[in-house]
Amino acid sequence: MSEPKEGYLKSGGYRVHYTLWGGTGPKLVFIHSMGMDAHSFETTYRVLLGEYQMLGLTILDHGDSDTPKVSLTLPHHAEIMRDCYRQLGFEPNVLEGHSVGGMMGMILAADHPEEHRGLVLVDIAPREGERKHTRPPPPDHFASEDAARAYFRERYPGFTEESVENRMKHGLKKDDEGRLTLKSNPTAMRPSLAHDLWPYAERILTPTLMILGSESTTVPP
């Protein structure tokens, strides 16, 4: 399978977007960071294609998944992700979570260890209380594709041009007035982040790999 199967699942009354890559091999589940979606792992999918079955899930309030009318807790979000990979028979798996996706991964590995052969945490660590945020909120809309492209380059300075174009293809939509706007608001889930993950971290028995960015603003040195 050189291109993904793409579709939607129903969980908890919400529609959840997913992408499915590869047909054989061990099962990998990917949960993205804030402001991203299941498509944001495409470079990784293509590198691993042929060796693994890979499932990318789009968190609620992001991408082509539904937007809840009320704020959900982080464990609630995590259980929706779990229900989705179980619907597709993706357990046991190795779960890779980036940022908020890693926070969900910690919860799931602690609560359901029998479903995970491994856990990969990318740029995430347990913290008490709400995080400090220094980035300004994104604009309501963009005047042009060039303006949107400039926004992605500025907000994510480590992105390759391939990653920027991935966001141009999958991260934008047109609003009711025909203006370009983000599908995923990077600030949408902030209320859910005020959740103490140490009790979960202390219960994780799953083999875990932590990947930390050398210039991370998420994990303290």
N, C-alpha and C. Protein backbone atom coordinates (compact mmCIF):
# COMPACT_ATOMS: atom_id res chain seq x y z
N MET A 1 0.86 -1.19 0.00
CA MET A 1 0.00 0.00 0.00
C MET A 1 0.89 1.24 0.00
N SER A 2 1.03 1.91 -1.14
CA SER A 2 1.89 3.09 -1.23
C SER A 2 1.19 4.36 -0.78
N GLU A 3 -0.13 4.36 -0.84
CA GLU A 3 -0.91 5.49 -0.36
C GLU A 3 -1.87 4.97 0.71
N PRO A 4 -2.25 5.85 1.65
CA PRO A 4 -3.04 5.36 2.78
C PRO A 4 -4.50 5.14 2.44
N LYS A 5 -5.09 4.25 3.22
CA LYS A 5 -6.54 4.20 3.28
C LYS A 5 -6.94 5.28 4.29
N GLU A 6 -7.97 6.03 3.97
CA GLU A 6 -8.38 7.14 4.82
C GLU A 6 -9.87 7.02 5.10
N GLY A 7 -10.28 7.30 6.33
CA GLY A 7 -11.69 7.17 6.64
C GLY A 7 -12.04 7.76 7.98
N TYR A 8 -13.20 7.36 8.49
CA TYR A 8 -13.72 7.90 9.75
C TYR A 8 -14.30 6.77 10.59
N LEU A 9 -14.17 6.93 11.89
CA LEU A 9 -14.76 6.02 12.86
C LEU A 9 -15.68 6.82 13.77
N LYS A 10 -16.65 6.14 14.37
CA LYS A 10 -17.52 6.77 15.34
C LYS A 10 -17.12 6.31 16.74
N SER A 11 -16.94 7.25 17.65
CA SER A 11 -16.59 6.91 19.02
C SER A 11 -17.18 7.95 19.96
N GLY A 12 -17.96 7.50 20.92
CA GLY A 12 -18.54 8.42 21.90
C GLY A 12 -19.43 9.48 21.29
N GLY A 13 -20.00 9.17 20.13
CA GLY A 13 -20.85 10.13 19.45
C GLY A 13 -20.11 11.09 18.55
N TYR A 14 -18.78 10.93 18.44
CA TYR A 14 -17.96 11.81 17.62
C TYR A 14 -17.41 11.06 16.41
N ARG A 15 -17.17 11.80 15.34
CA ARG A 15 -16.52 11.25 14.15
C ARG A 15 -15.02 11.51 14.25
N VAL A 16 -14.24 10.46 14.11
CA VAL A 16 -12.78 10.55 14.25
C VAL A 16 -12.12 10.14 12.93
N HIS A 17 -11.28 11.01 12.43
CA HIS A 17 -10.56 10.77 11.17
C HIS A 17 -9.33 9.88 11.42
N TYR A 18 -9.03 9.02 10.44
CA TYR A 18 -7.83 8.19 10.56
C TYR A 18 -7.21 7.97 9.19
N THR A 19 -5.93 7.61 9.20
CA THR A 19 -5.23 7.14 8.01
C THR A 19 -4.59 5.79 8.34
N LEU A 20 -4.57 4.89 7.36
CA LEU A 20 -4.06 3.54 7.57
C LEU A 20 -3.04 3.24 6.48
N TRP A 21 -1.82 2.90 6.91
CA TRP A 21 -0.72 2.64 5.98
C TRP A 21 -0.19 1.22 6.18
N GLY A 22 0.20 0.57 5.09
CA GLY A 22 0.83 -0.74 5.17
C GLY A 22 -0.17 -1.84 5.44
N GLY A 23 0.19 -3.05 5.08
CA GLY A 23 -0.75 -4.15 5.23
C GLY A 23 -0.27 -5.29 6.09
N THR A 24 1.03 -5.34 6.40
CA THR A 24 1.58 -6.44 7.18
C THR A 24 2.57 -5.92 8.20
N GLY A 25 2.97 -6.80 9.12
CA GLY A 25 3.97 -6.44 10.11
C GLY A 25 3.36 -5.99 11.42
N PRO A 26 4.21 -5.68 12.42
CA PRO A 26 3.74 -5.21 13.71
C PRO A 26 2.89 -3.94 13.57
N LYS A 27 2.03 -3.73 14.55
CA LYS A 27 1.08 -2.61 14.48
C LYS A 27 1.60 -1.40 15.26
N LEU A 28 1.62 -0.27 14.57
CA LEU A 28 2.02 1.00 15.18
C LEU A 28 0.84 1.95 15.16
N VAL A 29 0.61 2.65 16.28
CA VAL A 29 -0.44 3.66 16.36
C VAL A 29 0.23 5.01 16.62
N PHE A 30 -0.16 6.03 15.85
CA PHE A 30 0.41 7.37 15.97
C PHE A 30 -0.66 8.36 16.41
N ILE A 31 -0.34 9.13 17.46
CA ILE A 31 -1.23 10.21 17.91
C ILE A 31 -0.41 11.50 17.89
N HIS A 32 -0.90 12.49 17.19
CA HIS A 32 -0.16 13.70 16.87
C HIS A 32 -0.17 14.74 17.99
N SER A 33 0.52 15.83 17.74
CA SER A 33 0.58 16.96 18.68
C SER A 33 -0.53 17.97 18.40
N MET A 34 -0.63 18.98 19.27
CA MET A 34 -1.64 20.02 19.06
C MET A 34 -1.38 20.77 17.76
N GLY A 35 -2.46 21.05 17.05
CA GLY A 35 -2.36 21.79 15.80
C GLY A 35 -2.08 20.92 14.59
N MET A 36 -1.86 19.62 14.79
CA MET A 36 -1.54 18.71 13.70
C MET A 36 -2.72 17.77 13.43
N ASP A 37 -2.46 16.67 12.74
CA ASP A 37 -3.49 15.68 12.42
C ASP A 37 -2.80 14.39 12.01
N ALA A 38 -3.58 13.38 11.65
CA ALA A 38 -3.00 12.08 11.29
C ALA A 38 -2.04 12.18 10.10
N HIS A 39 -2.26 13.14 9.22
CA HIS A 39 -1.40 13.30 8.04
C HIS A 39 0.00 13.81 8.40
N SER A 40 0.16 14.39 9.57
CA SER A 40 1.43 15.04 9.90
C SER A 40 2.58 14.05 10.07
N PHE A 41 2.28 12.75 10.16
CA PHE A 41 3.32 11.73 10.28
C PHE A 41 3.69 11.12 8.93
N GLU A 42 3.28 11.70 7.82
CA GLU A 42 3.43 11.04 6.53
C GLU A 42 4.88 10.70 6.19
N THR A 43 5.82 11.55 6.55
CA THR A 43 7.22 11.24 6.28
C THR A 43 7.64 9.97 7.00
N THR A 44 7.20 9.83 8.25
CA THR A 44 7.51 8.62 9.03
C THR A 44 6.84 7.40 8.43
N TYR A 45 5.56 7.55 8.05
CA TYR A 45 4.86 6.42 7.44
C TYR A 45 5.62 5.89 6.23
N ARG A 46 6.07 6.79 5.38
CA ARG A 46 6.72 6.37 4.13
C ARG A 46 8.06 5.68 4.40
N VAL A 47 8.77 6.12 5.43
CA VAL A 47 10.04 5.47 5.78
C VAL A 47 9.80 4.04 6.26
N LEU A 48 8.73 3.83 7.02
CA LEU A 48 8.46 2.53 7.64
C LEU A 48 7.57 1.64 6.79
N LEU A 49 7.10 2.15 5.67
CA LEU A 49 6.17 1.41 4.81
C LEU A 49 6.80 0.09 4.37
N GLY A 50 6.02 -0.98 4.46
CA GLY A 50 6.51 -2.30 4.09
C GLY A 50 6.97 -3.13 5.27
N GLU A 51 7.24 -2.46 6.40
CA GLU A 51 7.69 -3.18 7.59
C GLU A 51 6.62 -3.25 8.67
N TYR A 52 5.67 -2.33 8.64
CA TYR A 52 4.69 -2.23 9.72
C TYR A 52 3.30 -1.94 9.17
N GLN A 53 2.29 -2.23 9.99
CA GLN A 53 0.95 -1.70 9.79
C GLN A 53 0.86 -0.44 10.64
N MET A 54 0.45 0.67 10.05
CA MET A 54 0.48 1.94 10.76
C MET A 54 -0.88 2.64 10.72
N LEU A 55 -1.32 3.06 11.89
CA LEU A 55 -2.59 3.76 12.03
C LEU A 55 -2.34 5.14 12.61
N GLY A 56 -2.75 6.16 11.89
CA GLY A 56 -2.68 7.53 12.40
C GLY A 56 -4.08 8.00 12.76
N LEU A 57 -4.24 8.53 13.96
CA LEU A 57 -5.54 9.01 14.43
C LEU A 57 -5.51 10.52 14.60
N THR A 58 -6.59 11.18 14.21
CA THR A 58 -6.70 12.63 14.38
C THR A 58 -7.54 12.92 15.62
N ILE A 59 -6.94 13.60 16.58
CA ILE A 59 -7.61 13.94 17.84
C ILE A 59 -8.82 14.83 17.55
N LEU A 60 -9.84 14.71 18.39
CA LEU A 60 -10.98 15.62 18.28
C LEU A 60 -10.52 17.07 18.36
N ASP A 61 -11.25 17.96 17.71
CA ASP A 61 -10.90 19.38 17.67
C ASP A 61 -9.74 19.65 16.73
N HIS A 62 -9.37 18.67 15.92
CA HIS A 62 -8.24 18.80 15.00
C HIS A 62 -8.62 18.22 13.63
N GLY A 63 -7.98 18.75 12.60
CA GLY A 63 -8.10 18.19 11.26
C GLY A 63 -9.53 17.94 10.84
N ASP A 64 -9.78 16.73 10.35
CA ASP A 64 -11.10 16.35 9.86
C ASP A 64 -11.94 15.60 10.89
N SER A 65 -11.47 15.53 12.14
CA SER A 65 -12.27 14.96 13.21
C SER A 65 -13.28 15.99 13.72
N ASP A 66 -14.30 15.50 14.43
CA ASP A 66 -15.33 16.40 14.96
C ASP A 66 -14.78 17.35 16.02
N THR A 67 -15.48 18.47 16.19
CA THR A 67 -15.18 19.43 17.24
C THR A 67 -16.23 19.32 18.33
N PRO A 68 -15.88 18.87 19.53
CA PRO A 68 -16.86 18.77 20.61
C PRO A 68 -17.40 20.14 21.00
N LYS A 69 -18.63 20.16 21.45
CA LYS A 69 -19.23 21.41 21.90
C LYS A 69 -18.78 21.78 23.32
N VAL A 70 -18.26 20.80 24.04
CA VAL A 70 -17.76 21.03 25.39
C VAL A 70 -16.32 20.54 25.47
N SER A 71 -15.58 21.07 26.43
CA SER A 71 -14.19 20.66 26.61
C SER A 71 -14.14 19.27 27.25
N LEU A 72 -13.34 18.39 26.69
CA LEU A 72 -13.18 17.04 27.22
C LEU A 72 -11.90 16.93 28.03
N THR A 73 -11.90 16.07 29.02
CA THR A 73 -10.68 15.84 29.79
C THR A 73 -9.68 15.06 28.95
N LEU A 74 -8.42 15.11 29.36
CA LEU A 74 -7.39 14.37 28.64
C LEU A 74 -7.65 12.85 28.67
N PRO A 75 -8.04 12.26 29.81
CA PRO A 75 -8.36 10.83 29.79
C PRO A 75 -9.53 10.49 28.86
N HIS A 76 -10.50 11.39 28.74
CA HIS A 76 -11.63 11.17 27.83
C HIS A 76 -11.12 11.14 26.39
N HIS A 77 -10.29 12.11 26.03
CA HIS A 77 -9.68 12.11 24.69
C HIS A 77 -8.92 10.80 24.44
N ALA A 78 -8.15 10.37 25.45
CA ALA A 78 -7.34 9.16 25.30
C ALA A 78 -8.21 7.93 25.07
N GLU A 79 -9.31 7.83 25.80
CA GLU A 79 -10.18 6.66 25.65
C GLU A 79 -10.86 6.64 24.28
N ILE A 80 -11.12 7.82 23.72
CA ILE A 80 -11.67 7.86 22.36
C ILE A 80 -10.64 7.32 21.36
N MET A 81 -9.37 7.71 21.53
CA MET A 81 -8.32 7.17 20.68
C MET A 81 -8.23 5.65 20.84
N ARG A 82 -8.33 5.18 22.07
CA ARG A 82 -8.27 3.73 22.33
C ARG A 82 -9.43 3.01 21.63
N ASP A 83 -10.62 3.53 21.76
CA ASP A 83 -11.78 2.90 21.13
C ASP A 83 -11.57 2.79 19.63
N CYS A 84 -10.97 3.82 19.04
CA CYS A 84 -10.75 3.81 17.59
C CYS A 84 -9.75 2.75 17.17
N TYR A 85 -8.60 2.65 17.84
CA TYR A 85 -7.65 1.64 17.39
C TYR A 85 -8.17 0.23 17.69
N ARG A 86 -8.99 0.08 18.71
CA ARG A 86 -9.58 -1.23 18.97
C ARG A 86 -10.61 -1.60 17.89
N GLN A 87 -11.35 -0.62 17.42
CA GLN A 87 -12.32 -0.90 16.35
C GLN A 87 -11.63 -1.47 15.11
N LEU A 88 -10.39 -1.04 14.87
CA LEU A 88 -9.64 -1.50 13.70
C LEU A 88 -8.73 -2.68 14.01
N GLY A 89 -8.85 -3.22 15.22
CA GLY A 89 -8.04 -4.38 15.58
C GLY A 89 -6.57 -4.07 15.75
N PHE A 90 -6.24 -2.85 16.15
CA PHE A 90 -4.84 -2.43 16.26
C PHE A 90 -4.32 -2.58 17.69
N GLU A 91 -4.47 -3.79 18.22
CA GLU A 91 -3.85 -4.08 19.50
C GLU A 91 -3.53 -5.57 19.55
N PRO A 92 -2.36 -5.92 20.16
CA PRO A 92 -1.42 -5.02 20.82
C PRO A 92 -0.65 -4.19 19.79
N ASN A 93 -0.14 -3.05 20.24
CA ASN A 93 0.54 -2.13 19.34
C ASN A 93 1.72 -1.48 20.04
N VAL A 94 2.53 -0.82 19.25
CA VAL A 94 3.48 0.17 19.77
C VAL A 94 2.86 1.52 19.51
N LEU A 95 2.67 2.30 20.56
CA LEU A 95 1.99 3.59 20.44
C LEU A 95 3.02 4.71 20.46
N GLU A 96 2.98 5.55 19.43
CA GLU A 96 3.87 6.71 19.36
C GLU A 96 3.04 7.96 19.50
N GLY A 97 3.36 8.78 20.50
CA GLY A 97 2.62 10.01 20.73
C GLY A 97 3.54 11.21 20.80
N HIS A 98 3.17 12.24 20.07
CA HIS A 98 3.95 13.48 20.05
C HIS A 98 3.23 14.53 20.88
N SER A 99 3.91 15.11 21.86
CA SER A 99 3.35 16.17 22.69
C SER A 99 2.05 15.71 23.36
N VAL A 100 0.92 16.35 23.05
CA VAL A 100 -0.32 15.93 23.69
C VAL A 100 -0.67 14.49 23.34
N GLY A 101 -0.25 14.03 22.16
CA GLY A 101 -0.44 12.62 21.81
C GLY A 101 0.34 11.71 22.74
N GLY A 102 1.52 12.16 23.17
CA GLY A 102 2.31 11.40 24.13
C GLY A 102 1.66 11.38 25.50
N MET A 103 1.02 12.49 25.86
CA MET A 103 0.30 12.52 27.13
C MET A 103 -0.81 11.47 27.14
N MET A 104 -1.53 11.37 26.02
CA MET A 104 -2.56 10.34 25.91
C MET A 104 -1.93 8.95 25.93
N GLY A 105 -0.77 8.81 25.30
CA GLY A 105 -0.09 7.53 25.30
C GLY A 105 0.29 7.08 26.69
N MET A 106 0.72 8.01 27.53
CA MET A 106 1.06 7.67 28.91
C MET A 106 -0.16 7.14 29.66
N ILE A 107 -1.29 7.80 29.46
CA ILE A 107 -2.53 7.38 30.11
C ILE A 107 -2.92 5.98 29.66
N LEU A 108 -2.87 5.74 28.36
CA LEU A 108 -3.29 4.45 27.81
C LEU A 108 -2.33 3.33 28.21
N ALA A 109 -1.04 3.59 28.21
CA ALA A 109 -0.08 2.56 28.60
C ALA A 109 -0.22 2.21 30.07
N ALA A 110 -0.55 3.19 30.91
CA ALA A 110 -0.74 2.93 32.34
C ALA A 110 -2.02 2.16 32.60
N ASP A 111 -3.10 2.54 31.92
CA ASP A 111 -4.41 1.94 32.18
C ASP A 111 -4.64 0.62 31.44
N HIS A 112 -3.96 0.44 30.31
CA HIS A 112 -4.21 -0.75 29.48
C HIS A 112 -2.88 -1.36 29.00
N PRO A 113 -2.02 -1.79 29.92
CA PRO A 113 -0.69 -2.26 29.52
C PRO A 113 -0.71 -3.46 28.58
N GLU A 114 -1.76 -4.28 28.67
CA GLU A 114 -1.84 -5.47 27.83
C GLU A 114 -2.03 -5.14 26.35
N GLU A 115 -2.38 -3.88 26.06
CA GLU A 115 -2.63 -3.49 24.67
C GLU A 115 -1.42 -2.88 23.98
N HIS A 116 -0.31 -2.74 24.74
CA HIS A 116 0.84 -2.01 24.18
C HIS A 116 2.13 -2.80 24.36
N ARG A 117 2.81 -3.03 23.26
CA ARG A 117 4.12 -3.68 23.30
C ARG A 117 5.24 -2.68 23.52
N GLY A 118 4.95 -1.43 23.25
CA GLY A 118 5.94 -0.39 23.44
C GLY A 118 5.28 0.98 23.41
N LEU A 119 5.97 1.96 23.95
CA LEU A 119 5.48 3.34 23.99
C LEU A 119 6.62 4.26 23.57
N VAL A 120 6.36 5.13 22.61
CA VAL A 120 7.35 6.11 22.16
C VAL A 120 6.79 7.49 22.47
N LEU A 121 7.49 8.24 23.31
CA LEU A 121 7.06 9.58 23.72
C LEU A 121 7.98 10.60 23.06
N VAL A 122 7.41 11.46 22.24
CA VAL A 122 8.19 12.46 21.52
C VAL A 122 7.95 13.83 22.12
N ASP A 123 8.99 14.38 22.74
CA ASP A 123 8.95 15.74 23.28
C ASP A 123 7.82 15.92 24.29
N ILE A 124 7.79 15.06 25.28
CA ILE A 124 6.74 15.14 26.28
C ILE A 124 7.26 14.57 27.59
N ALA A 125 6.78 15.13 28.70
CA ALA A 125 7.09 14.62 30.03
C ALA A 125 5.92 14.97 30.94
N PRO A 126 5.70 14.19 32.02
CA PRO A 126 4.58 14.50 32.92
C PRO A 126 4.84 15.79 33.67
N ARG A 127 3.80 16.58 33.81
CA ARG A 127 3.89 17.84 34.55
C ARG A 127 2.65 18.03 35.38
N GLU A 128 2.79 18.77 36.44
CA GLU A 128 1.63 19.11 37.24
C GLU A 128 1.14 20.48 36.81
N GLY A 129 -0.18 20.61 36.73
CA GLY A 129 -0.76 21.91 36.42
C GLY A 129 -0.68 22.23 34.94
N GLU A 130 -1.13 23.42 34.60
CA GLU A 130 -1.19 23.83 33.20
C GLU A 130 0.15 24.34 32.74
N ARG A 131 0.45 24.10 31.50
CA ARG A 131 1.72 24.55 30.94
C ARG A 131 1.74 26.05 30.71
N LYS A 132 2.94 26.56 30.60
CA LYS A 132 3.09 27.96 30.23
C LYS A 132 3.18 28.04 28.72
N HIS A 133 2.49 28.99 28.14
CA HIS A 133 2.45 29.14 26.69
C HIS A 133 3.00 30.51 26.32
N THR A 134 3.91 30.52 25.39
CA THR A 134 4.52 31.78 24.99
C THR A 134 4.14 32.18 23.57
N ARG A 135 3.66 31.25 22.79
CA ARG A 135 3.33 31.58 21.41
C ARG A 135 1.99 32.29 21.34
N PRO A 136 1.88 33.29 20.47
CA PRO A 136 0.58 33.96 20.30
C PRO A 136 -0.40 33.04 19.58
N PRO A 137 -1.69 33.29 19.73
CA PRO A 137 -2.68 32.47 19.02
C PRO A 137 -2.55 32.67 17.52
N PRO A 138 -2.98 31.69 16.73
CA PRO A 138 -2.89 31.82 15.27
C PRO A 138 -3.88 32.85 14.76
N PRO A 139 -3.67 33.37 13.56
CA PRO A 139 -4.62 34.32 12.98
C PRO A 139 -5.95 33.65 12.66
N ASP A 140 -7.01 34.43 12.61
CA ASP A 140 -8.33 33.90 12.28
C ASP A 140 -8.39 33.37 10.86
N HIS A 141 -7.63 34.00 9.96
CA HIS A 141 -7.61 33.56 8.57
C HIS A 141 -6.35 34.09 7.91
N PHE A 142 -6.10 33.63 6.69
CA PHE A 142 -4.94 34.05 5.92
C PHE A 142 -5.39 34.73 4.64
N ALA A 143 -4.69 35.78 4.28
CA ALA A 143 -5.06 36.55 3.09
C ALA A 143 -4.76 35.80 1.80
N SER A 144 -3.81 34.86 1.87
CA SER A 144 -3.41 34.12 0.66
C SER A 144 -2.70 32.84 1.07
N GLU A 145 -2.44 31.98 0.08
CA GLU A 145 -1.66 30.77 0.35
C GLU A 145 -0.25 31.13 0.78
N ASP A 146 0.31 32.18 0.20
CA ASP A 146 1.65 32.61 0.59
C ASP A 146 1.69 33.02 2.05
N ALA A 147 0.63 33.69 2.52
CA ALA A 147 0.57 34.10 3.92
C ALA A 147 0.48 32.88 4.83
N ALA A 148 -0.29 31.88 4.43
CA ALA A 148 -0.40 30.65 5.22
C ALA A 148 0.93 29.92 5.26
N ARG A 149 1.61 29.85 4.12
CA ARG A 149 2.90 29.18 4.06
C ARG A 149 3.91 29.90 4.96
N ALA A 150 3.89 31.21 4.96
CA ALA A 150 4.80 31.98 5.81
C ALA A 150 4.50 31.73 7.29
N TYR A 151 3.22 31.58 7.62
CA TYR A 151 2.83 31.29 9.00
C TYR A 151 3.41 29.96 9.45
N PHE A 152 3.26 28.92 8.63
CA PHE A 152 3.78 27.61 9.01
C PHE A 152 5.29 27.65 9.18
N ARG A 153 5.98 28.35 8.30
CA ARG A 153 7.44 28.43 8.40
C ARG A 153 7.87 29.15 9.67
N GLU A 154 7.13 30.19 10.05
CA GLU A 154 7.50 30.95 11.25
C GLU A 154 7.14 30.19 12.52
N ARG A 155 5.97 29.57 12.55
CA ARG A 155 5.53 28.89 13.77
C ARG A 155 6.33 27.60 14.01
N TYR A 156 6.73 26.94 12.93
CA TYR A 156 7.46 25.68 13.05
C TYR A 156 8.79 25.80 12.31
N PRO A 157 9.75 26.53 12.89
CA PRO A 157 11.00 26.83 12.18
C PRO A 157 11.83 25.59 11.86
N GLY A 158 11.58 24.48 12.54
CA GLY A 158 12.33 23.26 12.25
C GLY A 158 11.75 22.43 11.13
N PHE A 159 10.61 22.85 10.60
CA PHE A 159 9.96 22.09 9.53
C PHE A 159 10.78 22.13 8.24
N THR A 160 10.86 20.98 7.57
CA THR A 160 11.38 20.95 6.22
C THR A 160 10.32 21.52 5.28
N GLU A 161 10.72 21.80 4.04
CA GLU A 161 9.74 22.27 3.07
C GLU A 161 8.68 21.21 2.80
N GLU A 162 9.07 19.94 2.89
CA GLU A 162 8.10 18.86 2.73
C GLU A 162 7.03 18.92 3.82
N SER A 163 7.45 19.21 5.05
CA SER A 163 6.49 19.31 6.15
C SER A 163 5.60 20.53 5.99
N VAL A 164 6.17 21.63 5.54
CA VAL A 164 5.37 22.83 5.30
C VAL A 164 4.31 22.55 4.24
N GLU A 165 4.69 21.89 3.17
CA GLU A 165 3.72 21.59 2.11
C GLU A 165 2.68 20.57 2.58
N ASN A 166 3.06 19.70 3.49
CA ASN A 166 2.09 18.78 4.09
C ASN A 166 1.01 19.57 4.82
N ARG A 167 1.42 20.59 5.54
CA ARG A 167 0.45 21.44 6.26
C ARG A 167 -0.40 22.25 5.29
N MET A 168 0.20 22.70 4.19
CA MET A 168 -0.57 23.43 3.18
C MET A 168 -1.64 22.54 2.57
N LYS A 169 -1.32 21.27 2.39
CA LYS A 169 -2.26 20.34 1.77
C LYS A 169 -3.34 19.87 2.73
N HIS A 170 -2.95 19.57 3.97
CA HIS A 170 -3.87 18.93 4.90
C HIS A 170 -4.32 19.81 6.07
N GLY A 171 -3.64 20.92 6.30
CA GLY A 171 -3.91 21.69 7.51
C GLY A 171 -4.80 22.91 7.32
N LEU A 172 -5.29 23.14 6.11
CA LEU A 172 -6.08 24.34 5.82
C LEU A 172 -7.46 23.99 5.30
N LYS A 173 -8.38 24.91 5.48
CA LYS A 173 -9.73 24.80 4.91
C LYS A 173 -10.21 26.20 4.58
N LYS A 174 -11.34 26.30 3.90
CA LYS A 174 -11.95 27.60 3.63
C LYS A 174 -13.16 27.78 4.52
N ASP A 175 -13.27 28.96 5.13
CA ASP A 175 -14.41 29.23 6.00
C ASP A 175 -15.63 29.61 5.17
N ASP A 176 -16.71 29.99 5.84
CA ASP A 176 -17.96 30.30 5.14
C ASP A 176 -17.83 31.48 4.19
N GLU A 177 -16.81 32.31 4.42
CA GLU A 177 -16.59 33.47 3.56
C GLU A 177 -15.54 33.19 2.50
N GLY A 178 -15.10 31.93 2.41
CA GLY A 178 -14.13 31.57 1.39
C GLY A 178 -12.70 31.91 1.74
N ARG A 179 -12.43 32.24 3.00
CA ARG A 179 -11.07 32.60 3.42
C ARG A 179 -10.33 31.36 3.93
N LEU A 180 -9.02 31.33 3.71
CA LEU A 180 -8.20 30.24 4.22
C LEU A 180 -8.06 30.35 5.72
N THR A 181 -8.27 29.23 6.41
CA THR A 181 -8.11 29.20 7.86
C THR A 181 -7.58 27.84 8.27
N LEU A 182 -7.08 27.73 9.49
CA LEU A 182 -6.55 26.47 9.97
C LEU A 182 -7.67 25.47 10.27
N LYS A 183 -7.44 24.21 9.92
CA LYS A 183 -8.37 23.16 10.34
C LYS A 183 -8.23 22.91 11.84
N SER A 184 -7.01 22.99 12.34
CA SER A 184 -6.72 22.67 13.74
C SER A 184 -6.20 23.91 14.44
N ASN A 185 -6.90 24.32 15.48
CA ASN A 185 -6.44 25.45 16.28
C ASN A 185 -5.43 24.94 17.30
N PRO A 186 -4.16 25.37 17.24
CA PRO A 186 -3.16 24.86 18.17
C PRO A 186 -3.47 25.15 19.64
N THR A 187 -4.38 26.06 19.91
CA THR A 187 -4.69 26.41 21.30
C THR A 187 -5.95 25.72 21.81
N ALA A 188 -6.62 24.94 20.95
CA ALA A 188 -7.96 24.44 21.29
C ALA A 188 -7.98 23.54 22.51
N MET A 189 -6.93 22.74 22.71
CA MET A 189 -6.95 21.75 23.78
C MET A 189 -6.27 22.20 25.06
N ARG A 190 -5.88 23.45 25.15
CA ARG A 190 -5.14 23.89 26.34
C ARG A 190 -5.85 23.58 27.66
N PRO A 191 -7.18 23.76 27.75
CA PRO A 191 -7.83 23.43 29.03
C PRO A 191 -7.65 21.97 29.44
N SER A 192 -7.50 21.08 28.47
CA SER A 192 -7.36 19.65 28.78
C SER A 192 -5.98 19.30 29.31
N LEU A 193 -5.00 20.19 29.14
CA LEU A 193 -3.63 19.86 29.51
C LEU A 193 -3.36 19.98 31.00
N ALA A 194 -4.25 20.62 31.73
CA ALA A 194 -4.07 20.79 33.17
C ALA A 194 -4.41 19.48 33.88
N HIS A 195 -3.62 18.47 33.61
CA HIS A 195 -3.89 17.14 34.15
C HIS A 195 -2.57 16.55 34.63
N ASP A 196 -2.52 16.13 35.89
CA ASP A 196 -1.30 15.59 36.47
C ASP A 196 -1.04 14.18 35.94
N LEU A 197 0.06 14.01 35.23
CA LEU A 197 0.36 12.71 34.62
C LEU A 197 1.29 11.84 35.45
N TRP A 198 1.81 12.38 36.56
CA TRP A 198 2.74 11.58 37.36
C TRP A 198 2.12 10.27 37.86
N PRO A 199 0.86 10.27 38.32
CA PRO A 199 0.27 8.99 38.75
C PRO A 199 0.24 7.95 37.63
N TYR A 200 0.09 8.40 36.39
CA TYR A 200 0.13 7.47 35.25
C TYR A 200 1.57 7.01 34.99
N ALA A 201 2.50 7.96 35.01
CA ALA A 201 3.90 7.64 34.73
C ALA A 201 4.42 6.58 35.70
N GLU A 202 3.99 6.66 36.95
CA GLU A 202 4.47 5.72 37.96
C GLU A 202 3.94 4.30 37.73
N ARG A 203 2.89 4.16 36.93
CA ARG A 203 2.30 2.84 36.69
C ARG A 203 2.67 2.25 35.33
N ILE A 204 3.43 2.96 34.53
CA ILE A 204 3.77 2.46 33.19
C ILE A 204 4.83 1.36 33.29
N LEU A 205 4.49 0.18 32.83
CA LEU A 205 5.42 -0.95 32.78
C LEU A 205 5.85 -1.27 31.36
N THR A 206 5.20 -0.66 30.39
CA THR A 206 5.50 -0.89 28.98
C THR A 206 6.88 -0.35 28.64
N PRO A 207 7.71 -1.08 27.88
CA PRO A 207 8.99 -0.54 27.43
C PRO A 207 8.77 0.80 26.72
N THR A 208 9.53 1.80 27.15
CA THR A 208 9.26 3.17 26.69
C THR A 208 10.53 3.83 26.16
N LEU A 209 10.39 4.46 25.01
CA LEU A 209 11.47 5.25 24.42
C LEU A 209 11.06 6.71 24.45
N MET A 210 11.93 7.57 24.99
CA MET A 210 11.66 9.01 25.01
C MET A 210 12.56 9.70 24.00
N ILE A 211 11.95 10.51 23.13
CA ILE A 211 12.69 11.29 22.14
C ILE A 211 12.47 12.76 22.46
N LEU A 212 13.55 13.47 22.78
CA LEU A 212 13.45 14.87 23.18
C LEU A 212 14.12 15.76 22.14
N GLY A 213 13.45 16.85 21.78
CA GLY A 213 14.03 17.79 20.85
C GLY A 213 15.17 18.57 21.48
N SER A 214 16.25 18.76 20.73
CA SER A 214 17.42 19.46 21.28
C SER A 214 17.12 20.92 21.59
N GLU A 215 16.11 21.48 20.94
CA GLU A 215 15.72 22.87 21.20
C GLU A 215 14.28 22.93 21.72
N SER A 216 13.88 21.90 22.45
CA SER A 216 12.51 21.79 22.93
C SER A 216 12.15 22.92 23.88
N THR A 217 10.94 23.44 23.72
CA THR A 217 10.38 24.39 24.68
C THR A 217 9.33 23.68 25.54
N THR A 218 9.17 22.39 25.33
CA THR A 218 8.17 21.61 26.07
C THR A 218 8.78 20.91 27.27
N VAL A 219 9.94 20.28 27.06
CA VAL A 219 10.59 19.52 28.13
C VAL A 219 11.77 20.31 28.66
N PRO A 220 11.81 20.61 29.96
CA PRO A 220 12.91 21.39 30.51
C PRO A 220 14.21 20.60 30.47
N PRO A 221 15.36 21.28 30.38
CA PRO A 221 16.65 20.58 30.33
C PRO A 221 16.95 19.84 31.63
